[in-house]
Amino acid sequence: MKKKKKKKKKKKKMKKKKKKKQKKKQKKLEVCFRH
């Protein structure tokens, strides 16, 4: 069970990283639209 919990935590971290990347992409897109 402890090992399973660790895996879940890692998955959560990856999801957070993905969200951050998406936000960065959105910001870049916004800048593109402004220009």
PDB file of N, CA and C in Angstrom:
ATOM      1  N   MET A   1       0.835  -1.205   0.000  1.00  0.00           N
ATOM      2  CA  MET A   1       0.000   0.000   0.000  1.00  0.00           C
ATOM      3  C   MET A   1       0.876   1.265   0.000  1.00  0.00           C
ATOM      4  N   LYS A   2       1.919   1.200   0.785  1.00  0.00           N
ATOM      5  CA  LYS A   2       2.800   2.391   0.846  1.00  0.00           C
ATOM      6  C   LYS A   2       3.376   2.663  -0.538  1.00  0.00           C
ATOM      7  N   LYS A   3       3.789   1.619  -1.220  1.00  0.00           N
ATOM      8  CA  LYS A   3       4.372   1.823  -2.559  1.00  0.00           C
ATOM      9  C   LYS A   3       3.313   2.418  -3.493  1.00  0.00           C
ATOM     10  N   LYS A   4       2.109   1.924  -3.415  1.00  0.00           N
ATOM     11  CA  LYS A   4       1.037   2.444  -4.284  1.00  0.00           C
ATOM     12  C   LYS A   4       0.831   3.932  -4.017  1.00  0.00           C
ATOM     13  N   LYS A   5       0.843   4.298  -2.761  1.00  0.00           N
ATOM     14  CA  LYS A   5       0.632   5.714  -2.408  1.00  0.00           C
ATOM     15  C   LYS A   5       1.728   6.566  -3.052  1.00  0.00           C
ATOM     16  N   LYS A   6       2.950   6.085  -2.993  1.00  0.00           N
ATOM     17  CA  LYS A   6       4.064   6.856  -3.567  1.00  0.00           C
ATOM     18  C   LYS A   6       3.828   7.061  -5.066  1.00  0.00           C
ATOM     19  N   LYS A   7       3.382   6.028  -5.727  1.00  0.00           N
ATOM     20  CA  LYS A   7       3.147   6.140  -7.174  1.00  0.00           C
ATOM     21  C   LYS A   7       2.083   7.212  -7.440  1.00  0.00           C
ATOM     22  N   LYS A   8       1.032   7.200  -6.645  1.00  0.00           N
ATOM     23  CA  LYS A   8      -0.042   8.189  -6.842  1.00  0.00           C
ATOM     24  C   LYS A   8       0.530   9.597  -6.688  1.00  0.00           C
ATOM     25  N   LYS A   9       1.372   9.772  -5.686  1.00  0.00           N
ATOM     26  CA  LYS A   9       1.945  11.112  -5.441  1.00  0.00           C
ATOM     27  C   LYS A   9       2.736  11.554  -6.673  1.00  0.00           C
ATOM     28  N   LYS A  10       3.499  10.631  -7.235  1.00  0.00           N
ATOM     29  CA  LYS A  10       4.317  10.985  -8.406  1.00  0.00           C
ATOM     30  C   LYS A  10       3.395  11.406  -9.556  1.00  0.00           C
ATOM     31  N   LYS A  11       2.323  10.668  -9.739  1.00  0.00           N
ATOM     32  CA  LYS A  11       1.390  10.999 -10.824  1.00  0.00           C
ATOM     33  C   LYS A  11       0.841  12.405 -10.625  1.00  0.00           C
ATOM     34  N   LYS A  12       0.510  12.731  -9.389  1.00  0.00           N
ATOM     35  CA  LYS A  12      -0.043  14.067  -9.107  1.00  0.00           C
ATOM     36  C   LYS A  12       0.977  15.136  -9.510  1.00  0.00           C
ATOM     37  N   LYS A  13       2.225  14.900  -9.171  1.00  0.00           N
ATOM     38  CA  LYS A  13       3.269  15.891  -9.490  1.00  0.00           C
ATOM     39  C   LYS A  13       3.337  16.080 -11.008  1.00  0.00           C
ATOM     40  N   MET A  14       3.257  14.994 -11.740  1.00  0.00           N
ATOM     41  CA  MET A  14       3.353  15.098 -13.199  1.00  0.00           C
ATOM     42  C   MET A  14       2.169  15.927 -13.727  1.00  0.00           C
ATOM     43  N   LYS A  15       0.985  15.677 -13.163  1.00  0.00           N
ATOM     44  CA  LYS A  15      -0.190  16.433 -13.610  1.00  0.00           C
ATOM     45  C   LYS A  15       0.051  17.921 -13.375  1.00  0.00           C
ATOM     46  N   LYS A  16       0.598  18.255 -12.216  1.00  0.00           N
ATOM     47  CA  LYS A  16       0.843  19.670 -11.896  1.00  0.00           C
ATOM     48  C   LYS A  16       1.813  20.262 -12.912  1.00  0.00           C
ATOM     49  N   LYS A  17       2.847  19.509 -13.243  1.00  0.00           N
ATOM     50  CA  LYS A  17       3.845  20.009 -14.200  1.00  0.00           C
ATOM     51  C   LYS A  17       3.169  20.264 -15.544  1.00  0.00           C
ATOM     52  N   LYS A  18       2.317  19.354 -15.946  1.00  0.00           N
ATOM     53  CA  LYS A  18       1.636  19.506 -17.239  1.00  0.00           C
ATOM     54  C   LYS A  18       0.811  20.797 -17.234  1.00  0.00           C
ATOM     55  N   LYS A  19       0.113  21.052 -16.137  1.00  0.00           N
ATOM     56  CA  LYS A  19      -0.723  22.257 -16.054  1.00  0.00           C
ATOM     57  C   LYS A  19       0.158  23.493 -16.210  1.00  0.00           C
ATOM     58  N   LYS A  20       1.308  23.483 -15.550  1.00  0.00           N
ATOM     59  CA  LYS A  20       2.205  24.644 -15.624  1.00  0.00           C
ATOM     60  C   LYS A  20       2.643  24.849 -17.071  1.00  0.00           C
ATOM     61  N   LYS A  21       2.974  23.767 -17.751  1.00  0.00           N
ATOM     62  CA  LYS A  21       3.418  23.880 -19.141  1.00  0.00           C
ATOM     63  C   LYS A  21       2.284  24.462 -19.986  1.00  0.00           C
ATOM     64  N   GLN A  22       1.071  24.000 -19.749  1.00  0.00           N
ATOM     65  CA  GLN A  22      -0.064  24.499 -20.525  1.00  0.00           C
ATOM     66  C   GLN A  22      -0.229  25.996 -20.305  1.00  0.00           C
ATOM     67  N   LYS A  23      -0.077  26.431 -19.063  1.00  0.00           N
ATOM     68  CA  LYS A  23      -0.231  27.860 -18.753  1.00  0.00           C
ATOM     69  C   LYS A  23       0.813  28.652 -19.521  1.00  0.00           C
ATOM     70  N   LYS A  24       2.035  28.158 -19.546  1.00  0.00           N
ATOM     71  CA  LYS A  24       3.103  28.858 -20.261  1.00  0.00           C
ATOM     72  C   LYS A  24       2.743  28.950 -21.739  1.00  0.00           C
ATOM     73  N   LYS A  25       2.243  27.862 -22.279  1.00  0.00           N
ATOM     74  CA  LYS A  25       1.871  27.840 -23.697  1.00  0.00           C
ATOM     75  C   LYS A  25       0.770  28.876 -23.935  1.00  0.00           C
ATOM     76  N   GLN A  26      -0.194  28.920 -23.035  1.00  0.00           N
ATOM     77  CA  GLN A  26      -1.302  29.871 -23.193  1.00  0.00           C
ATOM     78  C   GLN A  26      -0.763  31.297 -23.205  1.00  0.00           C
ATOM     79  N   LYS A  27       0.173  31.572 -22.307  1.00  0.00           N
ATOM     80  CA  LYS A  27       0.730  32.927 -22.236  1.00  0.00           C
ATOM     81  C   LYS A  27       1.402  33.259 -23.559  1.00  0.00           C
ATOM     82  N   LYS A  28       2.137  32.314 -24.094  1.00  0.00           N
ATOM     83  CA  LYS A  28       2.826  32.547 -25.372  1.00  0.00           C
ATOM     84  C   LYS A  28       1.779  32.802 -26.459  1.00  0.00           C
ATOM     85  N   LEU A  29       0.730  32.039 -26.434  1.00  0.00           N
ATOM     86  CA  LEU A  29      -0.334  32.196 -27.443  1.00  0.00           C
ATOM     87  C   LEU A  29      -0.933  33.592 -27.307  1.00  0.00           C
ATOM     88  N   GLU A  30      -1.165  34.003 -26.082  1.00  0.00           N
ATOM     89  CA  GLU A  30      -1.754  35.332 -25.861  1.00  0.00           C
ATOM     90  C   GLU A  30      -0.854  36.401 -26.454  1.00  0.00           C
ATOM     91  N   VAL A  31       0.428  36.275 -26.218  1.00  0.00           N
ATOM     92  CA  VAL A  31       1.378  37.267 -26.752  1.00  0.00           C
ATOM     93  C   VAL A  31       1.303  37.257 -28.278  1.00  0.00           C
ATOM     94  N   CYS A  32       1.197  36.061 -28.857  1.00  0.00           N
ATOM     95  CA  CYS A  32       1.120  35.959 -30.323  1.00  0.00           C
ATOM     96  C   CYS A  32      -0.127  36.704 -30.806  1.00  0.00           C
ATOM     97  N   PHE A  33      -1.232  36.527 -30.123  1.00  0.00           N
ATOM     98  CA  PHE A  33      -2.470  37.175 -30.557  1.00  0.00           C
ATOM     99  C   PHE A  33      -2.355  38.684 -30.419  1.00  0.00           C
ATOM    100  N   ARG A  34      -1.648  39.129 -29.408  1.00  0.00           N
ATOM    101  CA  ARG A  34      -1.506  40.580 -29.200  1.00  0.00           C
ATOM    102  C   ARG A  34      -0.718  41.197 -30.353  1.00  0.00           C
ATOM    103  N   HIS A  35       0.275  40.467 -30.832  1.00  0.00           N
ATOM    104  CA  HIS A  35       1.106  41.031 -31.908  1.00  0.00           C
ATOM    105  C   HIS A  35       0.344  40.898 -33.195  1.00  0.00           C
TER     106      HIS A  35
END
